[in-house]
């Protein structure tokens, strides 16, 4: 679980995931286009996303196509759900207290 949160902690990696979410599977050249870094820099971020299982890679000829794998995000959301519910309750109590 921790590798998922480590991967999500970086703005560049979140941008890459968002791009894959919106545009679907893409080759490295398309992912690197418009990024404020070299292709090598994008590759390093993609490697970390692969290690966190957030991105799958498929070879198509000479290209490597990167695709979002949302399952680890679902697992993280499920893991966080009890904490979120607790915080919502606490915030509601604080709101009631402040209104009194």
PDB file of N, CA and C in Angstrom:
ATOM      1  N   UNK A   1       0.824  -1.194   0.000  1.00  0.00           N
ATOM      2  CA  UNK A   1       0.000   0.000   0.000  1.00  0.00           C
ATOM      3  C   UNK A   1       0.871   1.262   0.000  1.00  0.00           C
ATOM      4  N   UNK A   2       1.956   1.232   0.738  1.00  0.00           N
ATOM      5  CA  UNK A   2       2.805   2.418   0.834  1.00  0.00           C
ATOM      6  C   UNK A   2       3.361   2.844  -0.525  1.00  0.00           C
ATOM      7  N   UNK A   3       3.789   1.919  -1.403  1.00  0.00           N
ATOM      8  CA  UNK A   3       4.272   2.376  -2.712  1.00  0.00           C
ATOM      9  C   UNK A   3       3.222   3.176  -3.489  1.00  0.00           C
ATOM     10  N   UNK A   4       1.942   2.849  -3.308  1.00  0.00           N
ATOM     11  CA  UNK A   4       0.895   3.603  -3.994  1.00  0.00           C
ATOM     12  C   UNK A   4       0.886   5.044  -3.494  1.00  0.00           C
ATOM     13  N   UNK A   5       0.943   5.227  -2.173  1.00  0.00           N
ATOM     14  CA  UNK A   5       0.928   6.577  -1.622  1.00  0.00           C
ATOM     15  C   UNK A   5       2.208   7.333  -1.976  1.00  0.00           C
ATOM     16  N   UNK A   6       3.333   6.647  -2.011  1.00  0.00           N
ATOM     17  CA  UNK A   6       4.586   7.290  -2.427  1.00  0.00           C
ATOM     18  C   UNK A   6       4.483   7.758  -3.872  1.00  0.00           C
ATOM     19  N   UNK A   7       3.899   6.924  -4.716  1.00  0.00           N
ATOM     20  CA  UNK A   7       3.749   7.289  -6.123  1.00  0.00           C
ATOM     21  C   UNK A   7       2.821   8.484  -6.278  1.00  0.00           C
ATOM     22  N   UNK A   8       1.744   8.518  -5.512  1.00  0.00           N
ATOM     23  CA  UNK A   8       0.767   9.601  -5.614  1.00  0.00           C
ATOM     24  C   UNK A   8       1.255  10.907  -4.983  1.00  0.00           C
ATOM     25  N   UNK A   9       2.297  10.832  -4.187  1.00  0.00           N
ATOM     26  CA  UNK A   9       2.796  12.018  -3.491  1.00  0.00           C
ATOM     27  C   UNK A   9       3.452  13.023  -4.434  1.00  0.00           C
ATOM     28  N   UNK A  10       3.824  12.594  -5.621  1.00  0.00           N
ATOM     29  CA  UNK A  10       4.544  13.461  -6.542  1.00  0.00           C
ATOM     30  C   UNK A  10       3.607  14.039  -7.598  1.00  0.00           C
ATOM     31  N   UNK A  11       3.681  15.350  -7.796  1.00  0.00           N
ATOM     32  CA  UNK A  11       2.813  16.049  -8.747  1.00  0.00           C
ATOM     33  C   UNK A  11       2.991  15.545 -10.181  1.00  0.00           C
ATOM     34  N   UNK A  12       4.221  15.269 -10.579  1.00  0.00           N
ATOM     35  CA  UNK A  12       4.483  14.785 -11.937  1.00  0.00           C
ATOM     36  C   UNK A  12       3.839  13.429 -12.156  1.00  0.00           C
ATOM     37  N   UNK A  13       3.969  12.539 -11.185  1.00  0.00           N
ATOM     38  CA  UNK A  13       3.370  11.210 -11.331  1.00  0.00           C
ATOM     39  C   UNK A  13       1.844  11.297 -11.357  1.00  0.00           C
ATOM     40  N   UNK A  14       1.280  12.201 -10.548  1.00  0.00           N
ATOM     41  CA  UNK A  14      -0.175  12.391 -10.594  1.00  0.00           C
ATOM     42  C   UNK A  14      -0.597  12.903 -11.979  1.00  0.00           C
ATOM     43  N   UNK A  15       0.209  13.794 -12.564  1.00  0.00           N
ATOM     44  CA  UNK A  15      -0.098  14.321 -13.899  1.00  0.00           C
ATOM     45  C   UNK A  15      -0.040  13.205 -14.943  1.00  0.00           C
ATOM     46  N   UNK A  16       0.938  12.321 -14.833  1.00  0.00           N
ATOM     47  CA  UNK A  16       1.032  11.193 -15.767  1.00  0.00           C
ATOM     48  C   UNK A  16      -0.177  10.264 -15.627  1.00  0.00           C
ATOM     49  N   UNK A  17      -0.567   9.980 -14.400  1.00  0.00           N
ATOM     50  CA  UNK A  17      -1.742   9.130 -14.181  1.00  0.00           C
ATOM     51  C   UNK A  17      -3.004   9.787 -14.738  1.00  0.00           C
ATOM     52  N   UNK A  18      -3.131  11.086 -14.531  1.00  0.00           N
ATOM     53  CA  UNK A  18      -4.303  11.809 -15.045  1.00  0.00           C
ATOM     54  C   UNK A  18      -4.333  11.768 -16.571  1.00  0.00           C
ATOM     55  N   UNK A  19      -3.185  11.915 -17.169  1.00  0.00           N
ATOM     56  CA  UNK A  19      -3.096  11.844 -18.643  1.00  0.00           C
ATOM     57  C   UNK A  19      -3.519  10.477 -19.142  1.00  0.00           C
ATOM     58  N   UNK A  20      -3.063   9.422 -18.470  1.00  0.00           N
ATOM     59  CA  UNK A  20      -3.458   8.073 -18.868  1.00  0.00           C
ATOM     60  C   UNK A  20      -4.946   7.839 -18.616  1.00  0.00           C
ATOM     61  N   UNK A  21      -5.458   8.433 -17.547  1.00  0.00           N
ATOM     62  CA  UNK A  21      -6.885   8.287 -17.254  1.00  0.00           C
ATOM     63  C   UNK A  21      -7.732   8.943 -18.339  1.00  0.00           C
ATOM     64  N   UNK A  22      -7.328  10.123 -18.773  1.00  0.00           N
ATOM     65  CA  UNK A  22      -8.103  10.864 -19.757  1.00  0.00           C
ATOM     66  C   UNK A  22      -7.912  10.366 -21.181  1.00  0.00           C
ATOM     67  N   UNK A  23      -6.661  10.053 -21.537  1.00  0.00           N
ATOM     68  CA  UNK A  23      -6.334   9.728 -22.930  1.00  0.00           C
ATOM     69  C   UNK A  23      -6.202   8.243 -23.214  1.00  0.00           C
ATOM     70  N   UNK A  24      -6.199   7.430 -22.175  1.00  0.00           N
ATOM     71  CA  UNK A  24      -6.032   5.992 -22.383  1.00  0.00           C
ATOM     72  C   UNK A  24      -4.574   5.621 -22.556  1.00  0.00           C
ATOM     73  N   UNK A  25      -4.314   4.379 -22.941  1.00  0.00           N
ATOM     74  CA  UNK A  25      -2.933   3.905 -23.098  1.00  0.00           C
ATOM     75  C   UNK A  25      -2.148   4.743 -24.103  1.00  0.00           C
ATOM     76  N   UNK A  26      -0.908   5.074 -23.736  1.00  0.00           N
ATOM     77  CA  UNK A  26      -0.066   5.923 -24.579  1.00  0.00           C
ATOM     78  C   UNK A  26       1.382   5.438 -24.578  1.00  0.00           C
ATOM     79  N   UNK A  27       2.093   5.677 -25.674  1.00  0.00           N
ATOM     80  CA  UNK A  27       3.537   5.399 -25.687  1.00  0.00           C
ATOM     81  C   UNK A  27       4.287   6.487 -24.920  1.00  0.00           C
ATOM     82  N   UNK A  28       5.517   6.201 -24.576  1.00  0.00           N
ATOM     83  CA  UNK A  28       6.352   7.146 -23.840  1.00  0.00           C
ATOM     84  C   UNK A  28       6.440   8.493 -24.546  1.00  0.00           C
ATOM     85  N   UNK A  29       6.596   8.479 -25.860  1.00  0.00           N
ATOM     86  CA  UNK A  29       6.748   9.743 -26.597  1.00  0.00           C
ATOM     87  C   UNK A  29       5.535  10.646 -26.390  1.00  0.00           C
ATOM     88  N   UNK A  30       4.346  10.090 -26.387  1.00  0.00           N
ATOM     89  CA  UNK A  30       3.139  10.899 -26.177  1.00  0.00           C
ATOM     90  C   UNK A  30       3.049  11.372 -24.732  1.00  0.00           C
ATOM     91  N   UNK A  31       3.428  10.517 -23.785  1.00  0.00           N
ATOM     92  CA  UNK A  31       3.396  10.917 -22.376  1.00  0.00           C
ATOM     93  C   UNK A  31       4.417  12.011 -22.085  1.00  0.00           C
ATOM     94  N   UNK A  32       5.567  11.935 -22.717  1.00  0.00           N
ATOM     95  CA  UNK A  32       6.630  12.911 -22.466  1.00  0.00           C
ATOM     96  C   UNK A  32       6.342  14.259 -23.122  1.00  0.00           C
ATOM     97  N   UNK A  33       5.536  14.254 -24.179  1.00  0.00           N
ATOM     98  CA  UNK A  33       5.215  15.501 -24.877  1.00  0.00           C
ATOM     99  C   UNK A  33       4.489  16.444 -23.920  1.00  0.00           C
ATOM    100  N   UNK A  34       4.977  17.638 -23.823  1.00  0.00           N
ATOM    101  CA  UNK A  34       4.352  18.640 -22.972  1.00  0.00           C
ATOM    102  C   UNK A  34       4.781  18.585 -21.517  1.00  0.00           C
ATOM    103  N   UNK A  35       5.575  17.599 -21.145  1.00  0.00           N
ATOM    104  CA  UNK A  35       6.059  17.519 -19.760  1.00  0.00           C
ATOM    105  C   UNK A  35       7.301  18.390 -19.636  1.00  0.00           C
ATOM    106  N   UNK A  36       7.482  19.057 -18.502  1.00  0.00           N
ATOM    107  CA  UNK A  36       8.628  19.959 -18.338  1.00  0.00           C
ATOM    108  C   UNK A  36       9.905  19.220 -17.931  1.00  0.00           C
ATOM    109  N   UNK A  37      10.169  18.091 -18.599  1.00  0.00           N
ATOM    110  CA  UNK A  37      11.375  17.310 -18.306  1.00  0.00           C
ATOM    111  C   UNK A  37      11.710  16.450 -19.517  1.00  0.00           C
ATOM    112  N   UNK A  38      12.845  15.808 -19.454  1.00  0.00           N
ATOM    113  CA  UNK A  38      13.286  14.949 -20.547  1.00  0.00           C
ATOM    114  C   UNK A  38      12.489  13.646 -20.540  1.00  0.00           C
ATOM    115  N   UNK A  39      12.596  12.925 -21.655  1.00  0.00           N
ATOM    116  CA  UNK A  39      11.962  11.600 -21.722  1.00  0.00           C
ATOM    117  C   UNK A  39      12.544  10.685 -20.646  1.00  0.00           C
ATOM    118  N   UNK A  40      13.826  10.838 -20.386  1.00  0.00           N
ATOM    119  CA  UNK A  40      14.472  10.029 -19.360  1.00  0.00           C
ATOM    120  C   UNK A  40      13.849  10.304 -17.986  1.00  0.00           C
ATOM    121  N   UNK A  41      13.539  11.554 -17.711  1.00  0.00           N
ATOM    122  CA  UNK A  41      12.880  11.903 -16.457  1.00  0.00           C
ATOM    123  C   UNK A  41      11.496  11.291 -16.360  1.00  0.00           C
ATOM    124  N   UNK A  42      10.753  11.344 -17.459  1.00  0.00           N
ATOM    125  CA  UNK A  42       9.417  10.739 -17.491  1.00  0.00           C
ATOM    126  C   UNK A  42       9.537   9.232 -17.287  1.00  0.00           C
ATOM    127  N   UNK A  43      10.545   8.619 -17.897  1.00  0.00           N
ATOM    128  CA  UNK A  43      10.755   7.177 -17.743  1.00  0.00           C
ATOM    129  C   UNK A  43      10.965   6.804 -16.281  1.00  0.00           C
ATOM    130  N   UNK A  44      11.733   7.587 -15.561  1.00  0.00           N
ATOM    131  CA  UNK A  44      11.975   7.300 -14.135  1.00  0.00           C
ATOM    132  C   UNK A  44      10.669   7.358 -13.341  1.00  0.00           C
ATOM    133  N   UNK A  45       9.838   8.347 -13.637  1.00  0.00           N
ATOM    134  CA  UNK A  45       8.548   8.433 -12.952  1.00  0.00           C
ATOM    135  C   UNK A  45       7.655   7.244 -13.312  1.00  0.00           C
ATOM    136  N   UNK A  46       7.667   6.845 -14.580  1.00  0.00           N
ATOM    137  CA  UNK A  46       6.860   5.703 -15.003  1.00  0.00           C
ATOM    138  C   UNK A  46       7.330   4.409 -14.341  1.00  0.00           C
ATOM    139  N   UNK A  47       8.622   4.275 -14.135  1.00  0.00           N
ATOM    140  CA  UNK A  47       9.148   3.091 -13.451  1.00  0.00           C
ATOM    141  C   UNK A  47       8.611   3.007 -12.025  1.00  0.00           C
ATOM    142  N   UNK A  48       8.555   4.132 -11.350  1.00  0.00           N
ATOM    143  CA  UNK A  48       8.012   4.148  -9.996  1.00  0.00           C
ATOM    144  C   UNK A  48       6.510   3.820 -10.007  1.00  0.00           C
ATOM    145  N   UNK A  49       5.792   4.346 -10.998  1.00  0.00           N
ATOM    146  CA  UNK A  49       4.370   4.034 -11.124  1.00  0.00           C
ATOM    147  C   UNK A  49       4.146   2.554 -11.422  1.00  0.00           C
ATOM    148  N   UNK A  50       5.039   1.961 -12.199  1.00  0.00           N
ATOM    149  CA  UNK A  50       4.959   0.516 -12.458  1.00  0.00           C
ATOM    150  C   UNK A  50       5.237  -0.265 -11.183  1.00  0.00           C
ATOM    151  N   UNK A  51       6.214   0.154 -10.417  1.00  0.00           N
ATOM    152  CA  UNK A  51       6.547  -0.539  -9.165  1.00  0.00           C
ATOM    153  C   UNK A  51       5.378  -0.485  -8.186  1.00  0.00           C
ATOM    154  N   UNK A  52       4.600   0.585  -8.243  1.00  0.00           N
ATOM    155  CA  UNK A  52       3.422   0.722  -7.381  1.00  0.00           C
ATOM    156  C   UNK A  52       2.201   0.035  -8.001  1.00  0.00           C
ATOM    157  N   UNK A  53       2.383  -0.576  -9.144  1.00  0.00           N
ATOM    158  CA  UNK A  53       1.326  -1.289  -9.882  1.00  0.00           C
ATOM    159  C   UNK A  53       0.220  -0.365 -10.398  1.00  0.00           C
ATOM    160  N   UNK A  54       0.508   0.917 -10.513  1.00  0.00           N
ATOM    161  CA  UNK A  54      -0.481   1.873 -11.013  1.00  0.00           C
ATOM    162  C   UNK A  54      -0.474   1.974 -12.534  1.00  0.00           C
ATOM    163  N   UNK A  55       0.606   1.503 -13.153  1.00  0.00           N
ATOM    164  CA  UNK A  55       0.741   1.541 -14.609  1.00  0.00           C
ATOM    165  C   UNK A  55       1.196   0.173 -15.100  1.00  0.00           C
ATOM    166  N   UNK A  56       0.541  -0.279 -16.170  1.00  0.00           N
ATOM    167  CA  UNK A  56       0.943  -1.508 -16.861  1.00  0.00           C
ATOM    168  C   UNK A  56       1.634  -1.114 -18.161  1.00  0.00           C
ATOM    169  N   UNK A  57       2.546  -1.952 -18.602  1.00  0.00           N
ATOM    170  CA  UNK A  57       3.243  -1.681 -19.857  1.00  0.00           C
ATOM    171  C   UNK A  57       3.080  -2.891 -20.770  1.00  0.00           C
ATOM    172  N   UNK A  58       2.755  -2.597 -22.020  1.00  0.00           N
ATOM    173  CA  UNK A  58       2.593  -3.640 -23.034  1.00  0.00           C
ATOM    174  C   UNK A  58       3.461  -3.275 -24.230  1.00  0.00           C
ATOM    175  N   UNK A  59       4.174  -4.244 -24.734  1.00  0.00           N
ATOM    176  CA  UNK A  59       5.005  -4.002 -25.911  1.00  0.00           C
ATOM    177  C   UNK A  59       4.166  -4.184 -27.164  1.00  0.00           C
ATOM    178  N   UNK A  60       4.220  -3.177 -28.041  1.00  0.00           N
ATOM    179  CA  UNK A  60       3.568  -3.258 -29.354  1.00  0.00           C
ATOM    180  C   UNK A  60       4.615  -2.895 -30.387  1.00  0.00           C
ATOM    181  N   UNK A  61       5.178  -3.907 -30.987  1.00  0.00           N
ATOM    182  CA  UNK A  61       6.278  -3.666 -31.919  1.00  0.00           C
ATOM    183  C   UNK A  61       7.460  -3.098 -31.165  1.00  0.00           C
ATOM    184  N   UNK A  62       7.933  -1.954 -31.610  1.00  0.00           N
ATOM    185  CA  UNK A  62       9.077  -1.315 -30.948  1.00  0.00           C
ATOM    186  C   UNK A  62       8.657  -0.394 -29.811  1.00  0.00           C
ATOM    187  N   UNK A  63       7.353  -0.132 -29.692  1.00  0.00           N
ATOM    188  CA  UNK A  63       6.880   0.788 -28.664  1.00  0.00           C
ATOM    189  C   UNK A  63       6.427   0.060 -27.403  1.00  0.00           C
ATOM    190  N   UNK A  64       6.535   0.778 -26.309  1.00  0.00           N
ATOM    191  CA  UNK A  64       5.994   0.305 -25.031  1.00  0.00           C
ATOM    192  C   UNK A  64       4.815   1.207 -24.704  1.00  0.00           C
ATOM    193  N   UNK A  65       3.649   0.598 -24.598  1.00  0.00           N
ATOM    194  CA  UNK A  65       2.419   1.348 -24.346  1.00  0.00           C
ATOM    195  C   UNK A  65       2.110   1.281 -22.861  1.00  0.00           C
ATOM    196  N   UNK A  66       1.912   2.442 -22.262  1.00  0.00           N
ATOM    197  CA  UNK A  66       1.639   2.563 -20.824  1.00  0.00           C
ATOM    198  C   UNK A  66       0.148   2.770 -20.616  1.00  0.00           C
ATOM    199  N   UNK A  67      -0.416   2.033 -19.661  1.00  0.00           N
ATOM    200  CA  UNK A  67      -1.844   2.131 -19.365  1.00  0.00           C
ATOM    201  C   UNK A  67      -2.052   2.207 -17.858  1.00  0.00           C
ATOM    202  N   UNK A  68      -3.049   2.959 -17.464  1.00  0.00           N
ATOM    203  CA  UNK A  68      -3.411   3.085 -16.054  1.00  0.00           C
ATOM    204  C   UNK A  68      -4.023   1.776 -15.570  1.00  0.00           C
ATOM    205  N   UNK A  69      -3.627   1.337 -14.384  1.00  0.00           N
ATOM    206  CA  UNK A  69      -4.261   0.208 -13.721  1.00  0.00           C
ATOM    207  C   UNK A  69      -4.917   0.758 -12.458  1.00  0.00           C
ATOM    208  N   UNK A  70      -6.231   0.934 -12.452  1.00  0.00           N
ATOM    209  CA  UNK A  70      -6.896   1.590 -11.326  1.00  0.00           C
ATOM    210  C   UNK A  70      -7.060   0.713 -10.083  1.00  0.00           C
ATOM    211  N   UNK A  71      -6.788  -0.579 -10.168  1.00  0.00           N
ATOM    212  CA  UNK A  71      -7.020  -1.467  -9.030  1.00  0.00           C
ATOM    213  C   UNK A  71      -6.287  -1.031  -7.753  1.00  0.00           C
ATOM    214  N   UNK A  72      -5.006  -0.686  -7.806  1.00  0.00           N
ATOM    215  CA  UNK A  72      -4.347  -0.225  -6.568  1.00  0.00           C
ATOM    216  C   UNK A  72      -4.989   1.034  -5.982  1.00  0.00           C
ATOM    217  N   UNK A  73      -5.555   1.889  -6.834  1.00  0.00           N
ATOM    218  CA  UNK A  73      -6.248   3.079  -6.331  1.00  0.00           C
ATOM    219  C   UNK A  73      -7.527   2.682  -5.603  1.00  0.00           C
ATOM    220  N   UNK A  74      -8.227   1.683  -6.140  1.00  0.00           N
ATOM    221  CA  UNK A  74      -9.429   1.183  -5.458  1.00  0.00           C
ATOM    222  C   UNK A  74      -9.066   0.606  -4.094  1.00  0.00           C
ATOM    223  N   UNK A  75      -7.988  -0.172  -4.067  1.00  0.00           N
ATOM    224  CA  UNK A  75      -7.548  -0.764  -2.803  1.00  0.00           C
ATOM    225  C   UNK A  75      -7.180   0.324  -1.791  1.00  0.00           C
ATOM    226  N   UNK A  76      -6.510   1.371  -2.241  1.00  0.00           N
ATOM    227  CA  UNK A  76      -6.140   2.474  -1.341  1.00  0.00           C
ATOM    228  C   UNK A  76      -7.384   3.191  -0.832  1.00  0.00           C
ATOM    229  N   UNK A  77      -8.352   3.383  -1.710  1.00  0.00           N
ATOM    230  CA  UNK A  77      -9.602   4.032  -1.311  1.00  0.00           C
ATOM    231  C   UNK A  77     -10.336   3.203  -0.259  1.00  0.00           C
ATOM    232  N   UNK A  78     -10.385   1.893  -0.470  1.00  0.00           N
ATOM    233  CA  UNK A  78     -11.025   1.009   0.506  1.00  0.00           C
ATOM    234  C   UNK A  78     -10.289   1.047   1.838  1.00  0.00           C
ATOM    235  N   UNK A  79      -8.979   1.087   1.787  1.00  0.00           N
ATOM    236  CA  UNK A  79      -8.176   1.133   3.012  1.00  0.00           C
ATOM    237  C   UNK A  79      -8.419   2.434   3.769  1.00  0.00           C
ATOM    238  N   UNK A  80      -8.585   3.540   3.032  1.00  0.00           N
ATOM    239  CA  UNK A  80      -8.782   4.851   3.650  1.00  0.00           C
ATOM    240  C   UNK A  80     -10.216   5.091   4.129  1.00  0.00           C
ATOM    241  N   UNK A  81     -11.178   4.343   3.629  1.00  0.00           N
ATOM    242  CA  UNK A  81     -12.595   4.588   3.925  1.00  0.00           C
ATOM    243  C   UNK A  81     -12.909   4.696   5.416  1.00  0.00           C
ATOM    244  N   UNK A  82     -12.434   3.791   6.270  1.00  0.00           N
ATOM    245  CA  UNK A  82     -12.751   3.931   7.697  1.00  0.00           C
ATOM    246  C   UNK A  82     -12.185   5.214   8.308  1.00  0.00           C
ATOM    247  N   UNK A  83     -11.020   5.623   7.872  1.00  0.00           N
ATOM    248  CA  UNK A  83     -10.420   6.861   8.370  1.00  0.00           C
ATOM    249  C   UNK A  83     -11.233   8.068   7.909  1.00  0.00           C
ATOM    250  N   UNK A  84     -11.668   8.045   6.677  1.00  0.00           N
ATOM    251  CA  UNK A  84     -12.467   9.147   6.143  1.00  0.00           C
ATOM    252  C   UNK A  84     -13.776   9.279   6.911  1.00  0.00           C
ATOM    253  N   UNK A  85     -14.410   8.144   7.195  1.00  0.00           N
ATOM    254  CA  UNK A  85     -15.667   8.174   7.946  1.00  0.00           C
ATOM    255  C   UNK A  85     -15.444   8.766   9.336  1.00  0.00           C
ATOM    256  N   UNK A  86     -14.354   8.371   9.982  1.00  0.00           N
ATOM    257  CA  UNK A  86     -14.042   8.922  11.312  1.00  0.00           C
ATOM    258  C   UNK A  86     -13.835  10.423  11.259  1.00  0.00           C
ATOM    259  N   UNK A  87     -13.106  10.884  10.273  1.00  0.00           N
ATOM    260  CA  UNK A  87     -12.839  12.317  10.167  1.00  0.00           C
ATOM    261  C   UNK A  87     -14.105  13.094   9.841  1.00  0.00           C
ATOM    262  N   UNK A  88     -14.971  12.527   9.024  1.00  0.00           N
ATOM    263  CA  UNK A  88     -16.234  13.202   8.725  1.00  0.00           C
ATOM    264  C   UNK A  88     -17.052  13.372  10.001  1.00  0.00           C
ATOM    265  N   UNK A  89     -17.080  12.346  10.838  1.00  0.00           N
ATOM    266  CA  UNK A  89     -17.794  12.424  12.112  1.00  0.00           C
ATOM    267  C   UNK A  89     -17.182  13.499  13.002  1.00  0.00           C
ATOM    268  N   UNK A  90     -15.876  13.523  13.095  1.00  0.00           N
ATOM    269  CA  UNK A  90     -15.201  14.523  13.920  1.00  0.00           C
ATOM    270  C   UNK A  90     -15.452  15.940  13.422  1.00  0.00           C
ATOM    271  N   UNK A  91     -15.410  16.115  12.131  1.00  0.00           N
ATOM    272  CA  UNK A  91     -15.645  17.445  11.560  1.00  0.00           C
ATOM    273  C   UNK A  91     -17.090  17.873  11.809  1.00  0.00           C
ATOM    274  N   UNK A  92     -18.014  16.947  11.691  1.00  0.00           N
ATOM    275  CA  UNK A  92     -19.416  17.274  11.973  1.00  0.00           C
ATOM    276  C   UNK A  92     -19.603  17.678  13.431  1.00  0.00           C
ATOM    277  N   UNK A  93     -18.954  16.971  14.354  1.00  0.00           N
ATOM    278  CA  UNK A  93     -19.024  17.337  15.778  1.00  0.00           C
ATOM    279  C   UNK A  93     -18.431  18.720  16.024  1.00  0.00           C
ATOM    280  N   UNK A  94     -17.294  18.998  15.392  1.00  0.00           N
ATOM    281  CA  UNK A  94     -16.672  20.308  15.534  1.00  0.00           C
ATOM    282  C   UNK A  94     -17.603  21.397  15.004  1.00  0.00           C
ATOM    283  N   UNK A  95     -18.215  21.146  13.874  1.00  0.00           N
ATOM    284  CA  UNK A  95     -19.147  22.106  13.290  1.00  0.00           C
ATOM    285  C   UNK A  95     -20.302  22.385  14.253  1.00  0.00           C
ATOM    286  N   UNK A  96     -20.867  21.333  14.833  1.00  0.00           N
ATOM    287  CA  UNK A  96     -21.967  21.492  15.798  1.00  0.00           C
ATOM    288  C   UNK A  96     -21.495  22.289  17.015  1.00  0.00           C
ATOM    289  N   UNK A  97     -20.311  21.967  17.486  1.00  0.00           N
ATOM    290  CA  UNK A  97     -19.750  22.668  18.650  1.00  0.00           C
ATOM    291  C   UNK A  97     -19.580  24.162  18.360  1.00  0.00           C
ATOM    292  N   UNK A  98     -19.079  24.497  17.204  1.00  0.00           N
ATOM    293  CA  UNK A  98     -18.851  25.891  16.828  1.00  0.00           C
ATOM    294  C   UNK A  98     -20.166  26.640  16.626  1.00  0.00           C
ATOM    295  N   UNK A  99     -21.189  25.942  16.201  1.00  0.00           N
ATOM    296  CA  UNK A  99     -22.488  26.588  15.998  1.00  0.00           C
ATOM    297  C   UNK A  99     -23.197  26.885  17.329  1.00  0.00           C
ATOM    298  N   UNK A 100     -22.842  26.159  18.393  1.00  0.00           N
ATOM    299  CA  UNK A 100     -23.497  26.362  19.698  1.00  0.00           C
ATOM    300  C   UNK A 100     -23.067  27.606  20.396  1.00  0.00           C
TER     301      UNK A 100
END
